[in-house]
Amino acid sequence: MSLRINHEFQIPSAYTLQRIDQAIASLLPQYSRARLQRWIREGLLTVDGRTVKQKDKVVGGEKIVVSVEEDAQSDRAESIPLLVVYEDEHLLVVDKPAGLVVHPGAGNPTGTLLNALLNHDSGLESIPRAGIVHRLDKDTSGLMVVAKTFEAQNYLVQEIQARRVTRIYDALVYGVMTRREGTVEGAIGRHPVHRKKMAIRKDGKPARTHYRILEQFEEHTRVECKLDTGRTHQIRVHMQSLGYPLIGDKTYGGSYRRPKSGDAWIEDALKDFQRQALHAKKLALKHPITDRLLSWTADPPPDFDELLELLRG
């Protein structure tokens, strides 16, 4: 079974002087950058009717045409349990467990959310990225929306870009936060030395996180974070920038810290918590067909809850 992919659109003037591969990646976020670059190299993506190189710059107003026929993804389906929160003929909302990678990639070609989705609904074979329009880090749990049609996918991509999709997270951080609520604005880009990390950089992509304190403990804080943008590792980077890294987040300063209280139960819980304490607890958006506002919530998983109860105690 093959998949026919067709797109025609113009480059907005806001992308003037960007590299063609970077501009296209922003305009067609439902496809991986590697996939888009391959289409450019193979001449399957044209600019004003001609082939281009990835590093060519755009001026704005060019006509982009994508015409691709690729094999479907049926051979990637795997029987992996999915916790489905909502489903209709257009949308699917799942509660992703911590430890599940969203997209296949180097080192994890199988065992991902994408593989699970293809097994859950074979119709997703014909949708780019099996309908995935946003992501959660491997060790972040919580709600994700998936598109079941091309129309729903294009709609959701536009809604996310326009910041009309509400995404709210629950986080546990080291330190007692004193400011009840606030906003972090710091552009995020690849770390200049550690390429698997992100960092706040002047040349990064704009990123904004709103936060408010939910609970304060002796040496820790439970905080709610609301995303305006969805950059890679955004909450983790922004909370670290405030001096309050997420518990368990070794990448961004959240390695084990012995509590001053000497409480053995809390010590053991902090040592055992081997992921960032982050859970996507609320998702809200307008339905692509009915325009009705839909909202979902998901309780934190047991490991998060157990740590929270110990901090309260």
Protein backbone atom coordinates (compact mmCIF):
# COMPACT_ATOMS: atom_id res chain seq x y z
CA MET A 1 0.00 0.00 0.00
CA SER A 2 1.36 3.43 -0.95
CA LEU A 3 0.71 6.89 0.44
CA ARG A 4 0.24 9.91 -1.82
CA ILE A 5 1.32 13.24 -0.27
CA ASN A 6 0.49 16.54 -1.97
CA HIS A 7 0.91 20.09 -0.70
CA GLU A 8 0.78 23.49 -2.45
CA PHE A 9 1.27 26.80 -0.63
CA GLN A 10 3.21 30.05 -0.65
CA ILE A 11 6.08 31.00 1.66
CA PRO A 12 4.93 33.86 3.94
CA SER A 13 7.08 36.99 3.93
CA ALA A 14 7.89 36.40 7.62
CA TYR A 15 10.28 33.63 6.52
CA THR A 16 12.44 35.90 4.34
CA LEU A 17 16.15 34.95 4.42
CA GLN A 18 15.57 31.67 6.24
CA ARG A 19 17.06 28.48 4.84
CA ILE A 20 14.55 26.60 2.74
CA ASP A 21 14.71 23.46 4.91
CA GLN A 22 14.15 25.49 8.09
CA ALA A 23 11.21 27.40 6.60
CA ILE A 24 9.56 24.23 5.29
CA ALA A 25 10.07 22.47 8.64
CA SER A 26 8.14 25.29 10.34
CA LEU A 27 5.38 25.31 7.73
CA LEU A 28 4.98 21.51 7.59
CA PRO A 29 5.67 20.43 11.19
CA GLN A 30 3.73 17.19 10.75
CA TYR A 31 6.77 15.80 8.89
CA SER A 32 10.22 15.17 10.35
CA ARG A 33 13.03 17.49 9.27
CA ALA A 34 15.00 14.52 7.92
CA ARG A 35 12.05 13.54 5.74
CA LEU A 36 11.64 17.07 4.37
CA GLN A 37 15.36 17.34 3.63
CA ARG A 38 15.20 14.04 1.73
CA TRP A 39 12.33 15.35 -0.38
CA ILE A 40 14.34 18.49 -1.17
CA ARG A 41 17.41 16.42 -2.16
CA GLU A 42 15.32 14.12 -4.36
CA GLY A 43 13.50 16.99 -6.07
CA LEU A 44 10.11 15.96 -4.67
CA LEU A 45 9.69 19.42 -3.16
CA THR A 46 10.01 22.30 -5.63
CA VAL A 47 10.15 26.07 -5.25
CA ASP A 48 8.51 28.02 -8.08
CA GLY A 49 8.73 24.88 -10.18
CA ARG A 50 12.46 24.26 -9.71
CA THR A 51 14.53 22.06 -7.46
CA VAL A 52 16.60 23.70 -4.72
CA LYS A 53 19.26 22.93 -2.14
CA GLN A 54 18.56 22.73 1.58
CA LYS A 55 20.71 25.78 2.35
CA ASP A 56 19.10 28.03 -0.27
CA LYS A 57 17.41 31.11 1.22
CA VAL A 58 13.78 32.10 0.69
CA VAL A 59 12.61 35.62 -0.12
CA GLY A 60 8.90 35.15 0.58
CA GLY A 61 6.03 34.54 -1.82
CA GLU A 62 7.54 31.48 -3.51
CA LYS A 63 5.16 28.69 -4.47
CA ILE A 64 5.99 25.37 -2.78
CA VAL A 65 4.78 22.14 -4.33
CA VAL A 66 5.23 18.74 -2.66
CA SER A 67 4.33 15.63 -4.63
CA VAL A 68 5.43 12.38 -3.03
CA GLU A 69 4.38 8.74 -3.12
CA GLU A 70 5.72 6.67 -0.25
CA ASP A 71 5.15 3.26 1.26
CA ALA A 72 2.57 3.20 4.05
CA GLN A 73 3.61 2.45 7.62
CA SER A 74 1.65 -0.78 8.19
CA ASP A 75 4.79 -2.82 8.88
CA ARG A 76 5.52 -0.61 11.91
CA ALA A 77 2.36 -1.46 13.85
CA GLU A 78 2.99 -3.02 17.27
CA SER A 79 0.68 -4.28 19.97
CA ILE A 80 1.49 -1.78 22.71
CA PRO A 81 -1.16 -0.86 25.33
CA LEU A 82 -2.72 2.59 24.89
CA LEU A 83 -4.77 4.48 27.45
CA VAL A 84 -7.37 6.20 25.25
CA VAL A 85 -9.07 9.16 26.91
CA TYR A 86 -11.21 10.25 23.94
CA GLU A 87 -11.82 9.10 20.39
CA ASP A 88 -14.09 9.97 17.49
CA GLU A 89 -13.67 9.76 13.72
CA HIS A 90 -11.43 12.85 13.67
CA LEU A 91 -9.44 12.89 16.93
CA LEU A 92 -7.77 10.57 19.38
CA VAL A 93 -6.53 11.66 22.83
CA VAL A 94 -4.21 9.37 24.78
CA ASP A 95 -2.63 9.46 28.22
CA LYS A 96 1.01 8.59 27.46
CA PRO A 97 2.90 6.72 30.18
CA ALA A 98 6.36 7.81 31.25
CA GLY A 99 9.06 5.79 29.48
CA LEU A 100 7.27 5.60 26.12
CA VAL A 101 9.10 7.32 23.24
CA VAL A 102 6.76 9.20 20.88
CA HIS A 103 8.58 8.83 17.52
CA PRO A 104 10.83 6.06 16.24
CA GLY A 105 14.42 7.17 15.79
CA ALA A 106 18.03 6.15 16.10
CA GLY A 107 18.23 3.59 18.89
CA ASN A 108 14.47 3.12 19.20
CA PRO A 109 12.95 2.03 15.85
CA THR A 110 10.20 0.11 17.66
CA GLY A 111 8.26 0.26 20.90
CA THR A 112 7.07 3.84 20.41
CA LEU A 113 3.75 5.65 20.60
CA LEU A 114 3.69 5.83 16.78
CA ASN A 115 3.98 2.03 16.57
CA ALA A 116 1.15 1.69 19.11
CA LEU A 117 -1.09 4.10 17.21
CA LEU A 118 -0.67 2.22 13.94
CA ASN A 119 -1.76 -0.95 15.73
CA HIS A 120 -4.72 0.79 17.37
CA ASP A 121 -6.06 2.21 14.10
CA SER A 122 -4.77 1.00 10.73
CA GLY A 123 -6.29 4.10 9.11
CA LEU A 124 -3.45 6.14 10.63
CA GLU A 125 -1.09 4.49 8.11
CA SER A 126 -2.10 7.14 5.58
CA ILE A 127 -1.53 10.11 7.92
CA PRO A 128 1.94 11.66 8.29
CA ARG A 129 3.54 10.63 11.60
CA ALA A 130 0.44 8.50 12.25
CA GLY A 131 -1.43 11.70 13.12
CA ILE A 132 0.96 12.92 15.83
CA VAL A 133 1.00 16.73 15.89
CA HIS A 134 2.96 17.44 19.08
CA ARG A 135 5.14 15.46 21.43
CA LEU A 136 6.05 14.72 25.01
CA ASP A 137 9.53 13.74 26.14
CA LYS A 138 10.06 10.03 26.73
CA ASP A 139 9.94 10.37 30.53
CA THR A 140 7.08 12.89 30.66
CA SER A 141 3.62 11.41 31.16
CA GLY A 142 0.24 12.76 30.17
CA LEU A 143 -2.17 13.89 27.49
CA MET A 144 -1.51 14.02 23.76
CA VAL A 145 -3.92 14.64 20.88
CA VAL A 146 -3.62 12.70 17.62
CA ALA A 147 -5.32 13.53 14.30
CA LYS A 148 -7.14 10.75 12.45
CA THR A 149 -7.59 12.64 9.16
CA PHE A 150 -5.50 14.96 6.98
CA GLU A 151 -8.00 17.75 7.62
CA ALA A 152 -7.81 17.32 11.39
CA GLN A 153 -4.02 17.18 11.28
CA ASN A 154 -3.68 20.40 9.28
CA TYR A 155 -6.20 22.08 11.59
CA LEU A 156 -4.40 21.01 14.78
CA VAL A 157 -0.99 22.04 13.43
CA GLN A 158 -2.37 25.52 12.69
CA GLU A 159 -4.08 25.74 16.10
CA ILE A 160 -0.87 24.80 17.90
CA GLN A 161 1.15 27.31 15.86
CA ALA A 162 -1.45 29.99 16.66
CA ARG A 163 -1.22 29.05 20.38
CA ARG A 164 -4.90 28.22 20.62
CA VAL A 165 -4.37 24.76 22.14
CA THR A 166 -4.23 24.78 25.95
CA ARG A 167 -1.53 22.56 27.48
CA ILE A 168 -1.08 22.55 31.26
CA TYR A 169 1.47 20.52 33.21
CA ASP A 170 2.03 19.43 36.81
CA ALA A 171 5.65 19.56 38.01
CA LEU A 172 7.60 18.90 41.21
CA VAL A 173 10.77 20.96 41.60
CA TYR A 174 13.69 21.28 43.95
CA GLY A 175 13.57 24.42 46.10
CA VAL A 176 10.83 26.48 47.72
CA MET A 177 9.52 28.92 45.16
CA THR A 178 8.62 32.30 46.65
CA ARG A 179 6.91 34.05 43.77
CA ARG A 180 3.34 32.75 43.58
CA GLU A 181 3.09 33.02 39.81
CA GLY A 182 4.95 34.44 36.85
CA THR A 183 6.05 34.04 33.27
CA VAL A 184 9.37 32.85 31.87
CA GLU A 185 10.35 34.19 28.45
CA GLY A 186 13.57 32.80 27.09
CA ALA A 187 14.32 31.74 23.53
CA ILE A 188 15.37 28.09 23.37
CA GLY A 189 17.89 26.48 21.04
CA ARG A 190 20.35 23.61 20.92
CA HIS A 191 23.03 23.74 23.63
CA PRO A 192 26.30 24.94 22.03
CA VAL A 193 28.35 22.12 23.59
CA HIS A 194 26.02 19.34 24.74
CA ARG A 195 24.03 18.61 21.60
CA LYS A 196 21.42 16.44 23.33
CA LYS A 197 20.48 19.35 25.58
CA MET A 198 18.60 22.57 24.97
CA ALA A 199 19.47 25.98 26.40
CA ILE A 200 18.24 29.56 26.56
CA ARG A 201 19.95 31.37 23.68
CA LYS A 202 19.54 34.71 21.96
CA ASP A 203 19.35 32.98 18.58
CA GLY A 204 16.87 30.35 19.76
CA LYS A 205 13.15 30.08 19.02
CA PRO A 206 10.84 32.26 21.15
CA ALA A 207 9.47 30.37 24.15
CA ARG A 208 7.07 31.39 26.93
CA THR A 209 5.95 29.44 30.00
CA HIS A 210 3.43 30.66 32.60
CA TYR A 211 3.69 29.14 36.06
CA ARG A 212 1.93 29.27 39.41
CA ILE A 213 2.57 27.56 42.73
CA LEU A 214 0.12 24.81 43.69
CA GLU A 215 1.75 23.55 46.90
CA GLN A 216 4.87 24.36 48.92
CA PHE A 217 6.79 21.87 51.02
CA GLU A 218 9.84 22.12 53.27
CA GLU A 219 12.35 21.92 50.43
CA HIS A 220 10.28 21.40 47.30
CA THR A 221 7.40 22.95 45.36
CA ARG A 222 4.55 21.65 43.25
CA VAL A 223 4.04 24.04 40.35
CA GLU A 224 1.61 24.25 37.45
CA CYS A 225 3.07 25.24 34.08
CA LYS A 226 1.09 26.45 31.07
CA LEU A 227 2.72 26.54 27.65
CA ASP A 228 2.33 29.36 25.16
CA THR A 229 4.88 27.66 22.91
CA GLY A 230 6.02 24.06 22.69
CA ARG A 231 9.79 24.02 22.33
CA THR A 232 11.83 20.91 23.04
CA HIS A 233 12.38 20.52 26.82
CA GLN A 234 10.76 23.94 27.33
CA ILE A 235 9.46 23.54 30.90
CA ARG A 236 12.61 21.72 31.98
CA VAL A 237 14.87 24.48 30.62
CA HIS A 238 12.73 27.34 31.90
CA MET A 239 12.37 25.96 35.44
CA GLN A 240 16.11 25.37 35.60
CA SER A 241 16.67 28.98 34.50
CA LEU A 242 14.69 30.12 37.56
CA GLY A 243 16.85 27.97 39.82
CA TYR A 244 14.16 25.34 40.43
CA PRO A 245 15.02 22.23 38.37
CA LEU A 246 12.51 19.39 38.11
CA ILE A 247 12.99 16.54 40.55
CA GLY A 248 14.63 13.61 38.76
CA ASP A 249 15.76 15.68 35.77
CA LYS A 250 19.47 14.88 35.71
CA THR A 251 19.90 16.61 32.35
CA TYR A 252 18.85 19.99 33.73
CA GLY A 253 20.13 20.04 37.30
CA GLY A 254 17.54 17.86 39.01
CA SER A 255 19.85 15.10 40.26
CA TYR A 256 19.25 13.70 43.75
CA ARG A 257 19.63 16.20 46.59
CA ARG A 258 19.64 14.87 50.13
CA PRO A 259 16.82 16.54 52.12
CA LYS A 260 18.00 18.58 55.10
CA SER A 261 15.26 17.01 57.21
CA GLY A 262 16.99 13.63 56.98
CA ASP A 263 13.60 11.96 56.40
CA ALA A 264 14.50 8.44 55.22
CA TRP A 265 11.21 7.98 53.35
CA ILE A 266 11.70 11.15 51.30
CA GLU A 267 15.39 10.31 50.74
CA ASP A 268 14.47 6.92 49.27
CA ALA A 269 11.64 8.37 47.17
CA LEU A 270 13.90 11.05 45.67
CA LYS A 271 16.62 8.47 44.93
CA ASP A 272 14.10 6.14 43.28
CA PHE A 273 12.51 8.84 41.10
CA GLN A 274 14.53 8.36 37.92
CA ARG A 275 12.66 10.66 35.53
CA GLN A 276 11.68 14.32 35.42
CA ALA A 277 8.65 14.90 37.66
CA LEU A 278 6.49 16.30 34.87
CA HIS A 279 2.95 15.35 33.84
CA ALA A 280 0.76 16.85 31.09
CA LYS A 281 -2.46 17.01 33.07
CA LYS A 282 -4.81 19.16 30.95
CA LEU A 283 -5.45 19.58 27.23
CA ALA A 284 -8.11 21.81 25.67
CA LEU A 285 -8.88 22.66 22.04
CA LYS A 286 -11.69 23.33 19.59
CA HIS A 287 -12.88 20.35 17.60
CA PRO A 288 -11.75 20.60 13.94
CA ILE A 289 -15.23 19.84 12.59
CA THR A 290 -17.82 20.89 15.20
CA ASP A 291 -15.82 23.87 16.56
CA ARG A 292 -16.92 22.77 20.03
CA LEU A 293 -14.44 23.40 22.85
CA LEU A 294 -13.20 20.09 24.25
CA SER A 295 -11.17 19.65 27.43
CA TRP A 296 -9.54 16.64 29.07
CA THR A 297 -7.67 16.07 32.33
CA ALA A 298 -5.50 13.17 33.45
CA ASP A 299 -4.41 12.33 36.98
CA PRO A 300 -0.67 11.95 37.57
CA PRO A 301 0.71 8.39 37.41
CA PRO A 302 1.39 6.40 40.62
CA ASP A 303 5.10 7.29 40.90
CA PHE A 304 4.31 11.02 40.77
CA ASP A 305 1.44 10.65 43.25
CA GLU A 306 3.50 8.62 45.71
CA LEU A 307 6.30 11.20 45.72
CA LEU A 308 3.75 14.00 46.13
CA GLU A 309 2.14 12.30 49.14
CA LEU A 310 5.53 11.83 50.83
CA LEU A 311 6.41 15.49 50.31
CA ARG A 312 3.06 16.45 51.86
CA GLY A 313 3.64 14.16 54.82
